[in-house]
Amino acid sequence: MDQAVRERLVKGTVASPRLDAVGSLAFGLSRTRMAREVKAERVTLNGRVNTDPAQTVKAGDVIGLAGRGEAVVQEVGGPTRKGRLAVAVLRKAGGKPGAEGDA
């Protein structure tokens, strides 16, 4: 079993820079499911448990989801032609702290 940390850059658009919206993009969940996870205290924002799905996130913030890993918000861009925000998130999943190996 490979214990290497896998990183993947996820790009997409969100309606607003809310924790549930950006987290759902990063972890591939629906916004409703992500909001449920936030309220169940399974989500951390910058190392602290957060229970507010409407919390605003910005570039550099780290979103953690229990059992799924963490995601670092790389960029929250300006609005697209349809009025949505372009977001880039670096998702880190798997492995143990300090583990090395091929991904």
PDB file of N, CA and C in Angstrom:
ATOM      1  N   MET A   1       0.840  -1.179   0.000  1.00  0.00           N
ATOM      2  CA  MET A   1       0.000   0.000   0.000  1.00  0.00           C
ATOM      3  C   MET A   1       0.883   1.239   0.000  1.00  0.00           C
ATOM      4  N   ASP A   2       0.639   2.136  -0.920  1.00  0.00           N
ATOM      5  CA  ASP A   2       1.444   3.344  -1.069  1.00  0.00           C
ATOM      6  C   ASP A   2       0.990   4.387  -0.049  1.00  0.00           C
ATOM      7  N   GLN A   3       1.927   4.899   0.740  1.00  0.00           N
ATOM      8  CA  GLN A   3       1.612   5.879   1.765  1.00  0.00           C
ATOM      9  C   GLN A   3       2.009   7.296   1.343  1.00  0.00           C
ATOM     10  N   ALA A   4       2.309   7.501   0.074  1.00  0.00           N
ATOM     11  CA  ALA A   4       2.730   8.818  -0.401  1.00  0.00           C
ATOM     12  C   ALA A   4       1.566   9.800  -0.396  1.00  0.00           C
ATOM     13  N   VAL A   5       1.886  11.047  -0.150  1.00  0.00           N
ATOM     14  CA  VAL A   5       0.877  12.104  -0.199  1.00  0.00           C
ATOM     15  C   VAL A   5       0.658  12.463  -1.666  1.00  0.00           C
ATOM     16  N   ARG A   6      -0.592  12.435  -2.091  1.00  0.00           N
ATOM     17  CA  ARG A   6      -0.930  12.783  -3.467  1.00  0.00           C
ATOM     18  C   ARG A   6      -1.458  14.214  -3.486  1.00  0.00           C
ATOM     19  N   GLU A   7      -0.961  14.982  -4.441  1.00  0.00           N
ATOM     20  CA  GLU A   7      -1.414  16.360  -4.599  1.00  0.00           C
ATOM     21  C   GLU A   7      -2.053  16.517  -5.967  1.00  0.00           C
ATOM     22  N   ARG A   8      -3.121  17.278  -6.014  1.00  0.00           N
ATOM     23  CA  ARG A   8      -3.803  17.518  -7.273  1.00  0.00           C
ATOM     24  C   ARG A   8      -4.347  18.938  -7.276  1.00  0.00           C
ATOM     25  N   LEU A   9      -4.083  19.660  -8.355  1.00  0.00           N
ATOM     26  CA  LEU A   9      -4.606  21.012  -8.493  1.00  0.00           C
ATOM     27  C   LEU A   9      -6.010  20.927  -9.081  1.00  0.00           C
ATOM     28  N   VAL A  10      -6.963  21.467  -8.363  1.00  0.00           N
ATOM     29  CA  VAL A  10      -8.360  21.457  -8.795  1.00  0.00           C
ATOM     30  C   VAL A  10      -8.749  22.888  -9.135  1.00  0.00           C
ATOM     31  N   LYS A  11      -9.226  23.094 -10.357  1.00  0.00           N
ATOM     32  CA  LYS A  11      -9.681  24.417 -10.782  1.00  0.00           C
ATOM     33  C   LYS A  11     -11.158  24.348 -11.122  1.00  0.00           C
ATOM     34  N   GLY A  12     -11.867  25.411 -10.828  1.00  0.00           N
ATOM     35  CA  GLY A  12     -13.285  25.465 -11.141  1.00  0.00           C
ATOM     36  C   GLY A  12     -13.845  26.831 -10.794  1.00  0.00           C
ATOM     37  N   THR A  13     -15.158  26.929 -10.838  1.00  0.00           N
ATOM     38  CA  THR A  13     -15.813  28.178 -10.482  1.00  0.00           C
ATOM     39  C   THR A  13     -16.818  27.921  -9.373  1.00  0.00           C
ATOM     40  N   VAL A  14     -17.026  28.932  -8.546  1.00  0.00           N
ATOM     41  CA  VAL A  14     -17.998  28.861  -7.460  1.00  0.00           C
ATOM     42  C   VAL A  14     -18.835  30.138  -7.486  1.00  0.00           C
ATOM     43  N   ALA A  15     -20.018  30.062  -6.909  1.00  0.00           N
ATOM     44  CA  ALA A  15     -20.901  31.226  -6.884  1.00  0.00           C
ATOM     45  C   ALA A  15     -20.407  32.290  -5.912  1.00  0.00           C
ATOM     46  N   SER A  16     -19.776  31.831  -4.816  1.00  0.00           N
ATOM     47  CA  SER A  16     -19.263  32.769  -3.820  1.00  0.00           C
ATOM     48  C   SER A  16     -18.107  32.100  -3.084  1.00  0.00           C
ATOM     49  N   PRO A  17     -17.250  32.886  -2.427  1.00  0.00           N
ATOM     50  CA  PRO A  17     -16.088  32.307  -1.744  1.00  0.00           C
ATOM     51  C   PRO A  17     -16.415  31.737  -0.366  1.00  0.00           C
ATOM     52  N   ARG A  18     -17.542  31.062  -0.240  1.00  0.00           N
ATOM     53  CA  ARG A  18     -17.961  30.456   1.025  1.00  0.00           C
ATOM     54  C   ARG A  18     -17.201  29.155   1.265  1.00  0.00           C
ATOM     55  N   LEU A  19     -17.052  28.787   2.529  1.00  0.00           N
ATOM     56  CA  LEU A  19     -16.366  27.556   2.902  1.00  0.00           C
ATOM     57  C   LEU A  19     -17.032  26.330   2.283  1.00  0.00           C
ATOM     58  N   ASP A  20     -18.358  26.269   2.302  1.00  0.00           N
ATOM     59  CA  ASP A  20     -19.032  25.097   1.745  1.00  0.00           C
ATOM     60  C   ASP A  20     -18.886  25.019   0.225  1.00  0.00           C
ATOM     61  N   ALA A  21     -18.860  26.153  -0.455  1.00  0.00           N
ATOM     62  CA  ALA A  21     -18.732  26.161  -1.915  1.00  0.00           C
ATOM     63  C   ALA A  21     -17.324  25.766  -2.355  1.00  0.00           C
ATOM     64  N   VAL A  22     -16.319  26.383  -1.759  1.00  0.00           N
ATOM     65  CA  VAL A  22     -14.933  26.087  -2.128  1.00  0.00           C
ATOM     66  C   VAL A  22     -14.559  24.675  -1.681  1.00  0.00           C
ATOM     67  N   GLY A  23     -15.017  24.277  -0.505  1.00  0.00           N
ATOM     68  CA  GLY A  23     -14.757  22.921  -0.010  1.00  0.00           C
ATOM     69  C   GLY A  23     -15.391  21.858  -0.883  1.00  0.00           C
ATOM     70  N   SER A  24     -16.587  22.130  -1.390  1.00  0.00           N
ATOM     71  CA  SER A  24     -17.254  21.147  -2.256  1.00  0.00           C
ATOM     72  C   SER A  24     -16.486  20.980  -3.562  1.00  0.00           C
ATOM     73  N   LEU A  25     -15.928  22.069  -4.091  1.00  0.00           N
ATOM     74  CA  LEU A  25     -15.094  21.987  -5.291  1.00  0.00           C
ATOM     75  C   LEU A  25     -13.835  21.174  -5.004  1.00  0.00           C
ATOM     76  N   ALA A  26     -13.195  21.459  -3.892  1.00  0.00           N
ATOM     77  CA  ALA A  26     -11.926  20.816  -3.551  1.00  0.00           C
ATOM     78  C   ALA A  26     -12.073  19.319  -3.310  1.00  0.00           C
ATOM     79  N   PHE A  27     -13.139  18.899  -2.641  1.00  0.00           N
ATOM     80  CA  PHE A  27     -13.287  17.500  -2.244  1.00  0.00           C
ATOM     81  C   PHE A  27     -14.279  16.711  -3.090  1.00  0.00           C
ATOM     82  N   GLY A  28     -14.856  17.354  -4.091  1.00  0.00           N
ATOM     83  CA  GLY A  28     -15.764  16.644  -4.989  1.00  0.00           C
ATOM     84  C   GLY A  28     -17.080  16.252  -4.359  1.00  0.00           C
ATOM     85  N   LEU A  29     -17.557  17.050  -3.427  1.00  0.00           N
ATOM     86  CA  LEU A  29     -18.841  16.803  -2.764  1.00  0.00           C
ATOM     87  C   LEU A  29     -19.855  17.847  -3.210  1.00  0.00           C
ATOM     88  N   SER A  30     -21.116  17.581  -2.964  1.00  0.00           N
ATOM     89  CA  SER A  30     -22.122  18.601  -3.231  1.00  0.00           C
ATOM     90  C   SER A  30     -21.997  19.687  -2.163  1.00  0.00           C
ATOM     91  N   ARG A  31     -22.483  20.868  -2.492  1.00  0.00           N
ATOM     92  CA  ARG A  31     -22.410  21.963  -1.520  1.00  0.00           C
ATOM     93  C   ARG A  31     -23.252  21.640  -0.295  1.00  0.00           C
ATOM     94  N   THR A  32     -24.380  20.995  -0.475  1.00  0.00           N
ATOM     95  CA  THR A  32     -25.235  20.610   0.646  1.00  0.00           C
ATOM     96  C   THR A  32     -24.511  19.638   1.567  1.00  0.00           C
ATOM     97  N   ARG A  33     -23.849  18.641   0.979  1.00  0.00           N
ATOM     98  CA  ARG A  33     -23.108  17.652   1.771  1.00  0.00           C
ATOM     99  C   ARG A  33     -21.949  18.323   2.512  1.00  0.00           C
ATOM    100  N   MET A  34     -21.268  19.249   1.838  1.00  0.00           N
ATOM    101  CA  MET A  34     -20.160  19.942   2.485  1.00  0.00           C
ATOM    102  C   MET A  34     -20.672  20.793   3.649  1.00  0.00           C
ATOM    103  N   ALA A  35     -21.796  21.449   3.472  1.00  0.00           N
ATOM    104  CA  ALA A  35     -22.380  22.252   4.552  1.00  0.00           C
ATOM    105  C   ALA A  35     -22.722  21.359   5.746  1.00  0.00           C
ATOM    106  N   ARG A  36     -23.233  20.157   5.467  1.00  0.00           N
ATOM    107  CA  ARG A  36     -23.547  19.192   6.521  1.00  0.00           C
ATOM    108  C   ARG A  36     -22.282  18.778   7.279  1.00  0.00           C
ATOM    109  N   GLU A  37     -21.187  18.552   6.534  1.00  0.00           N
ATOM    110  CA  GLU A  37     -19.911  18.183   7.154  1.00  0.00           C
ATOM    111  C   GLU A  37     -19.386  19.324   8.029  1.00  0.00           C
ATOM    112  N   VAL A  38     -19.547  20.565   7.577  1.00  0.00           N
ATOM    113  CA  VAL A  38     -19.104  21.724   8.359  1.00  0.00           C
ATOM    114  C   VAL A  38     -19.893  21.801   9.663  1.00  0.00           C
ATOM    115  N   LYS A  39     -21.196  21.666   9.582  1.00  0.00           N
ATOM    116  CA  LYS A  39     -22.044  21.740  10.778  1.00  0.00           C
ATOM    117  C   LYS A  39     -21.789  20.591  11.737  1.00  0.00           C
ATOM    118  N   ALA A  40     -21.320  19.450  11.216  1.00  0.00           N
ATOM    119  CA  ALA A  40     -21.008  18.288  12.048  1.00  0.00           C
ATOM    120  C   ALA A  40     -19.600  18.380  12.650  1.00  0.00           C
ATOM    121  N   GLU A  41     -18.950  19.523  12.482  1.00  0.00           N
ATOM    122  CA  GLU A  41     -17.627  19.799  13.027  1.00  0.00           C
ATOM    123  C   GLU A  41     -16.560  18.838  12.499  1.00  0.00           C
ATOM    124  N   ARG A  42     -16.682  18.431  11.219  1.00  0.00           N
ATOM    125  CA  ARG A  42     -15.694  17.565  10.587  1.00  0.00           C
ATOM    126  C   ARG A  42     -14.762  18.360   9.656  1.00  0.00           C
ATOM    127  N   VAL A  43     -14.940  19.680   9.628  1.00  0.00           N
ATOM    128  CA  VAL A  43     -14.148  20.535   8.733  1.00  0.00           C
ATOM    129  C   VAL A  43     -13.354  21.538   9.560  1.00  0.00           C
ATOM    130  N   THR A  44     -12.076  21.698   9.176  1.00  0.00           N
ATOM    131  CA  THR A  44     -11.248  22.715   9.817  1.00  0.00           C
ATOM    132  C   THR A  44     -10.872  23.767   8.780  1.00  0.00           C
ATOM    133  N   LEU A  45     -10.722  24.973   9.238  1.00  0.00           N
ATOM    134  CA  LEU A  45     -10.254  26.071   8.397  1.00  0.00           C
ATOM    135  C   LEU A  45      -9.040  26.656   9.102  1.00  0.00           C
ATOM    136  N   ASN A  46      -7.874  26.525   8.475  1.00  0.00           N
ATOM    137  CA  ASN A  46      -6.613  26.977   9.051  1.00  0.00           C
ATOM    138  C   ASN A  46      -6.349  26.353  10.421  1.00  0.00           C
ATOM    139  N   GLY A  47      -6.679  25.060  10.550  1.00  0.00           N
ATOM    140  CA  GLY A  47      -6.381  24.316  11.770  1.00  0.00           C
ATOM    141  C   GLY A  47      -7.414  24.420  12.873  1.00  0.00           C
ATOM    142  N   ARG A  48      -8.457  25.195  12.667  1.00  0.00           N
ATOM    143  CA  ARG A  48      -9.493  25.343  13.689  1.00  0.00           C
ATOM    144  C   ARG A  48     -10.821  24.797  13.178  1.00  0.00           C
ATOM    145  N   VAL A  49     -11.537  24.097  14.043  1.00  0.00           N
ATOM    146  CA  VAL A  49     -12.853  23.587  13.664  1.00  0.00           C
ATOM    147  C   VAL A  49     -13.762  24.768  13.384  1.00  0.00           C
ATOM    148  N   ASN A  50     -14.481  24.690  12.274  1.00  0.00           N
ATOM    149  CA  ASN A  50     -15.377  25.771  11.877  1.00  0.00           C
ATOM    150  C   ASN A  50     -16.771  25.191  11.689  1.00  0.00           C
ATOM    151  N   THR A  51     -17.777  25.839  12.248  1.00  0.00           N
ATOM    152  CA  THR A  51     -19.151  25.348  12.124  1.00  0.00           C
ATOM    153  C   THR A  51     -20.027  26.265  11.283  1.00  0.00           C
ATOM    154  N   ASP A  52     -19.422  27.234  10.602  1.00  0.00           N
ATOM    155  CA  ASP A  52     -20.176  28.182   9.786  1.00  0.00           C
ATOM    156  C   ASP A  52     -19.905  27.935   8.299  1.00  0.00           C
ATOM    157  N   PRO A  53     -20.866  27.320   7.572  1.00  0.00           N
ATOM    158  CA  PRO A  53     -20.646  27.054   6.156  1.00  0.00           C
ATOM    159  C   PRO A  53     -20.492  28.324   5.321  1.00  0.00           C
ATOM    160  N   ALA A  54     -20.957  29.460   5.835  1.00  0.00           N
ATOM    161  CA  ALA A  54     -20.890  30.721   5.094  1.00  0.00           C
ATOM    162  C   ALA A  54     -19.582  31.478   5.329  1.00  0.00           C
ATOM    163  N   GLN A  55     -18.672  30.908   6.107  1.00  0.00           N
ATOM    164  CA  GLN A  55     -17.383  31.555   6.360  1.00  0.00           C
ATOM    165  C   GLN A  55     -16.667  31.818   5.037  1.00  0.00           C
ATOM    166  N   THR A  56     -16.149  33.029   4.866  1.00  0.00           N
ATOM    167  CA  THR A  56     -15.447  33.391   3.639  1.00  0.00           C
ATOM    168  C   THR A  56     -14.025  32.839   3.676  1.00  0.00           C
ATOM    169  N   VAL A  57     -13.582  32.255   2.560  1.00  0.00           N
ATOM    170  CA  VAL A  57     -12.205  31.764   2.453  1.00  0.00           C
ATOM    171  C   VAL A  57     -11.450  32.646   1.468  1.00  0.00           C
ATOM    172  N   LYS A  58     -10.129  32.665   1.618  1.00  0.00           N
ATOM    173  CA  LYS A  58      -9.277  33.473   0.743  1.00  0.00           C
ATOM    174  C   LYS A  58      -8.045  32.667   0.374  1.00  0.00           C
ATOM    175  N   ALA A  59      -7.267  33.184  -0.541  1.00  0.00           N
ATOM    176  CA  ALA A  59      -6.041  32.513  -0.964  1.00  0.00           C
ATOM    177  C   ALA A  59      -5.139  32.281   0.240  1.00  0.00           C
ATOM    178  N   GLY A  60      -4.575  31.081   0.331  1.00  0.00           N
ATOM    179  CA  GLY A  60      -3.695  30.729   1.437  1.00  0.00           C
ATOM    180  C   GLY A  60      -4.379  29.969   2.546  1.00  0.00           C
ATOM    181  N   ASP A  61      -5.702  29.979   2.595  1.00  0.00           N
ATOM    182  CA  ASP A  61      -6.432  29.242   3.626  1.00  0.00           C
ATOM    183  C   ASP A  61      -6.308  27.737   3.395  1.00  0.00           C
ATOM    184  N   VAL A  62      -6.294  26.977   4.492  1.00  0.00           N
ATOM    185  CA  VAL A  62      -6.207  25.523   4.430  1.00  0.00           C
ATOM    186  C   VAL A  62      -7.521  24.948   4.952  1.00  0.00           C
ATOM    187  N   ILE A  63      -8.194  24.162   4.102  1.00  0.00           N
ATOM    188  CA  ILE A  63      -9.456  23.522   4.467  1.00  0.00           C
ATOM    189  C   ILE A  63      -9.169  22.043   4.693  1.00  0.00           C
ATOM    190  N   GLY A  64      -9.502  21.538   5.860  1.00  0.00           N
ATOM    191  CA  GLY A  64      -9.310  20.123   6.167  1.00  0.00           C
ATOM    192  C   GLY A  64     -10.652  19.441   6.320  1.00  0.00           C
ATOM    193  N   LEU A  65     -10.758  18.216   5.799  1.00  0.00           N
ATOM    194  CA  LEU A  65     -11.981  17.427   5.940  1.00  0.00           C
ATOM    195  C   LEU A  65     -11.592  16.072   6.498  1.00  0.00           C
ATOM    196  N   ALA A  66     -12.153  15.709   7.633  1.00  0.00           N
ATOM    197  CA  ALA A  66     -11.818  14.457   8.302  1.00  0.00           C
ATOM    198  C   ALA A  66     -11.995  13.278   7.353  1.00  0.00           C
ATOM    199  N   GLY A  67     -10.940  12.475   7.229  1.00  0.00           N
ATOM    200  CA  GLY A  67     -10.979  11.298   6.377  1.00  0.00           C
ATOM    201  C   GLY A  67     -10.729  11.556   4.910  1.00  0.00           C
ATOM    202  N   ARG A  68     -10.619  12.812   4.497  1.00  0.00           N
ATOM    203  CA  ARG A  68     -10.433  13.155   3.083  1.00  0.00           C
ATOM    204  C   ARG A  68      -9.143  13.906   2.804  1.00  0.00           C
ATOM    205  N   GLY A  69      -8.461  14.406   3.835  1.00  0.00           N
ATOM    206  CA  GLY A  69      -7.229  15.163   3.627  1.00  0.00           C
ATOM    207  C   GLY A  69      -7.460  16.648   3.785  1.00  0.00           C
ATOM    208  N   GLU A  70      -6.615  17.420   3.108  1.00  0.00           N
ATOM    209  CA  GLU A  70      -6.747  18.864   3.205  1.00  0.00           C
ATOM    210  C   GLU A  70      -6.543  19.500   1.845  1.00  0.00           C
ATOM    211  N   ALA A  71      -6.976  20.747   1.743  1.00  0.00           N
ATOM    212  CA  ALA A  71      -6.873  21.489   0.494  1.00  0.00           C
ATOM    213  C   ALA A  71      -6.420  22.912   0.807  1.00  0.00           C
ATOM    214  N   VAL A  72      -5.449  23.395   0.036  1.00  0.00           N
ATOM    215  CA  VAL A  72      -4.932  24.749   0.205  1.00  0.00           C
ATOM    216  C   VAL A  72      -5.488  25.607  -0.925  1.00  0.00           C
ATOM    217  N   VAL A  73      -6.165  26.683  -0.572  1.00  0.00           N
ATOM    218  CA  VAL A  73      -6.728  27.586  -1.569  1.00  0.00           C
ATOM    219  C   VAL A  73      -5.572  28.360  -2.199  1.00  0.00           C
ATOM    220  N   GLN A  74      -5.323  28.133  -3.478  1.00  0.00           N
ATOM    221  CA  GLN A  74      -4.219  28.775  -4.177  1.00  0.00           C
ATOM    222  C   GLN A  74      -4.609  30.162  -4.689  1.00  0.00           C
ATOM    223  N   GLU A  75      -5.822  30.262  -5.221  1.00  0.00           N
ATOM    224  CA  GLU A  75      -6.226  31.510  -5.859  1.00  0.00           C
ATOM    225  C   GLU A  75      -7.745  31.633  -5.862  1.00  0.00           C
ATOM    226  N   VAL A  76      -8.214  32.825  -5.560  1.00  0.00           N
ATOM    227  CA  VAL A  76      -9.624  33.166  -5.736  1.00  0.00           C
ATOM    228  C   VAL A  76      -9.621  34.329  -6.703  1.00  0.00           C
ATOM    229  N   GLY A  77      -9.939  34.045  -7.969  1.00  0.00           N
ATOM    230  CA  GLY A  77      -9.849  35.042  -9.022  1.00  0.00           C
ATOM    231  C   GLY A  77     -11.084  35.910  -9.124  1.00  0.00           C
ATOM    232  N   GLY A  78     -11.035  36.788 -10.083  1.00  0.00           N
ATOM    233  CA  GLY A  78     -12.142  37.694 -10.341  1.00  0.00           C
ATOM    234  C   GLY A  78     -13.307  36.981 -10.985  1.00  0.00           C
ATOM    235  N   PRO A  79     -14.378  37.707 -11.189  1.00  0.00           N
ATOM    236  CA  PRO A  79     -15.589  37.090 -11.745  1.00  0.00           C
ATOM    237  C   PRO A  79     -15.422  36.697 -13.217  1.00  0.00           C
ATOM    238  N   THR A  80     -16.074  35.588 -13.568  1.00  0.00           N
ATOM    239  CA  THR A  80     -16.114  35.149 -14.959  1.00  0.00           C
ATOM    240  C   THR A  80     -17.213  35.925 -15.674  1.00  0.00           C
ATOM    241  N   ARG A  81     -17.413  35.636 -16.954  1.00  0.00           N
ATOM    242  CA  ARG A  81     -18.477  36.332 -17.703  1.00  0.00           C
ATOM    243  C   ARG A  81     -19.863  36.055 -17.124  1.00  0.00           C
ATOM    244  N   LYS A  82     -20.002  34.901 -16.483  1.00  0.00           N
ATOM    245  CA  LYS A  82     -21.299  34.554 -15.894  1.00  0.00           C
ATOM    246  C   LYS A  82     -21.431  35.011 -14.443  1.00  0.00           C
ATOM    247  N   GLY A  83     -20.415  35.729 -13.938  1.00  0.00           N
ATOM    248  CA  GLY A  83     -20.501  36.275 -12.591  1.00  0.00           C
ATOM    249  C   GLY A  83     -20.028  35.338 -11.492  1.00  0.00           C
ATOM    250  N   ARG A  84     -19.438  34.190 -11.850  1.00  0.00           N
ATOM    251  CA  ARG A  84     -18.915  33.266 -10.851  1.00  0.00           C
ATOM    252  C   ARG A  84     -17.443  33.584 -10.586  1.00  0.00           C
ATOM    253  N   LEU A  85     -16.886  33.037  -9.512  1.00  0.00           N
ATOM    254  CA  LEU A  85     -15.492  33.273  -9.166  1.00  0.00           C
ATOM    255  C   LEU A  85     -14.637  32.078  -9.561  1.00  0.00           C
ATOM    256  N   ALA A  86     -13.529  32.345 -10.225  1.00  0.00           N
ATOM    257  CA  ALA A  86     -12.589  31.285 -10.585  1.00  0.00           C
ATOM    258  C   ALA A  86     -11.757  30.957  -9.352  1.00  0.00           C
ATOM    259  N   VAL A  87     -11.624  29.648  -9.047  1.00  0.00           N
ATOM    260  CA  VAL A  87     -10.902  29.214  -7.859  1.00  0.00           C
ATOM    261  C   VAL A  87      -9.929  28.100  -8.234  1.00  0.00           C
ATOM    262  N   ALA A  88      -8.735  28.140  -7.649  1.00  0.00           N
ATOM    263  CA  ALA A  88      -7.749  27.064  -7.800  1.00  0.00           C
ATOM    264  C   ALA A  88      -7.396  26.569  -6.403  1.00  0.00           C
ATOM    265  N   VAL A  89      -7.473  25.243  -6.200  1.00  0.00           N
ATOM    266  CA  VAL A  89      -7.233  24.634  -4.900  1.00  0.00           C
ATOM    267  C   VAL A  89      -6.258  23.481  -5.073  1.00  0.00           C
ATOM    268  N   LEU A  90      -5.244  23.399  -4.211  1.00  0.00           N
ATOM    269  CA  LEU A  90      -4.304  22.285  -4.223  1.00  0.00           C
ATOM    270  C   LEU A  90      -4.770  21.291  -3.180  1.00  0.00           C
ATOM    271  N   ARG A  91      -5.243  20.132  -3.642  1.00  0.00           N
ATOM    272  CA  ARG A  91      -5.767  19.126  -2.733  1.00  0.00           C
ATOM    273  C   ARG A  91      -4.683  18.119  -2.386  1.00  0.00           C
ATOM    274  N   LYS A  92      -4.522  17.868  -1.094  1.00  0.00           N
ATOM    275  CA  LYS A  92      -3.554  16.891  -0.601  1.00  0.00           C
ATOM    276  C   LYS A  92      -4.331  15.769   0.073  1.00  0.00           C
ATOM    277  N   ALA A  93      -4.053  14.523  -0.348  1.00  0.00           N
ATOM    278  CA  ALA A  93      -4.788  13.395   0.215  1.00  0.00           C
ATOM    279  C   ALA A  93      -3.855  12.227   0.431  1.00  0.00           C
ATOM    280  N   GLY A  94      -4.140  11.404   1.432  1.00  0.00           N
ATOM    281  CA  GLY A  94      -3.395  10.178   1.670  1.00  0.00           C
ATOM    282  C   GLY A  94      -2.108  10.406   2.408  1.00  0.00           C
ATOM    283  N   GLY A  95      -1.450   9.279   2.710  1.00  0.00           N
ATOM    284  CA  GLY A  95      -0.136   9.313   3.345  1.00  0.00           C
ATOM    285  C   GLY A  95      -0.167   9.702   4.810  1.00  0.00           C
ATOM    286  N   LYS A  96       0.995   9.659   5.394  1.00  0.00           N
ATOM    287  CA  LYS A  96       1.188  10.062   6.780  1.00  0.00           C
ATOM    288  C   LYS A  96       2.169  11.217   6.785  1.00  0.00           C
ATOM    289  N   PRO A  97       2.137  12.082   7.784  1.00  0.00           N
ATOM    290  CA  PRO A  97       3.100  13.174   7.831  1.00  0.00           C
ATOM    291  C   PRO A  97       4.529  12.634   7.784  1.00  0.00           C
ATOM    292  N   GLY A  98       5.332  13.160   6.880  1.00  0.00           N
ATOM    293  CA  GLY A  98       6.706  12.744   6.753  1.00  0.00           C
ATOM    294  C   GLY A  98       6.924  11.512   5.897  1.00  0.00           C
ATOM    295  N   ALA A  99       5.850  10.906   5.384  1.00  0.00           N
ATOM    296  CA  ALA A  99       5.990   9.715   4.539  1.00  0.00           C
ATOM    297  C   ALA A  99       6.533  10.105   3.183  1.00  0.00           C
ATOM    298  N   GLU A 100       7.407   9.269   2.632  1.00  0.00           N
ATOM    299  CA  GLU A 100       7.963   9.538   1.318  1.00  0.00           C
ATOM    300  C   GLU A 100       7.704   8.363   0.413  1.00  0.00           C
ATOM    301  N   GLY A 101       7.638   8.623  -0.878  1.00  0.00           N
ATOM    302  CA  GLY A 101       7.415   7.552  -1.837  1.00  0.00           C
ATOM    303  C   GLY A 101       6.925   8.120  -3.140  1.00  0.00           C
ATOM    304  N   ASP A 102       6.731   7.247  -4.109  1.00  0.00           N
ATOM    305  CA  ASP A 102       6.254   7.674  -5.424  1.00  0.00           C
ATOM    306  C   ASP A 102       4.741   7.736  -5.433  1.00  0.00           C
ATOM    307  N   ALA A 103       4.204   8.757  -6.071  1.00  0.00           N
ATOM    308  CA  ALA A 103       2.751   8.919  -6.152  1.00  0.00           C
ATOM    309  C   ALA A 103       2.200   8.262  -7.387  1.00  0.00           C
TER     310      ALA A 103
END
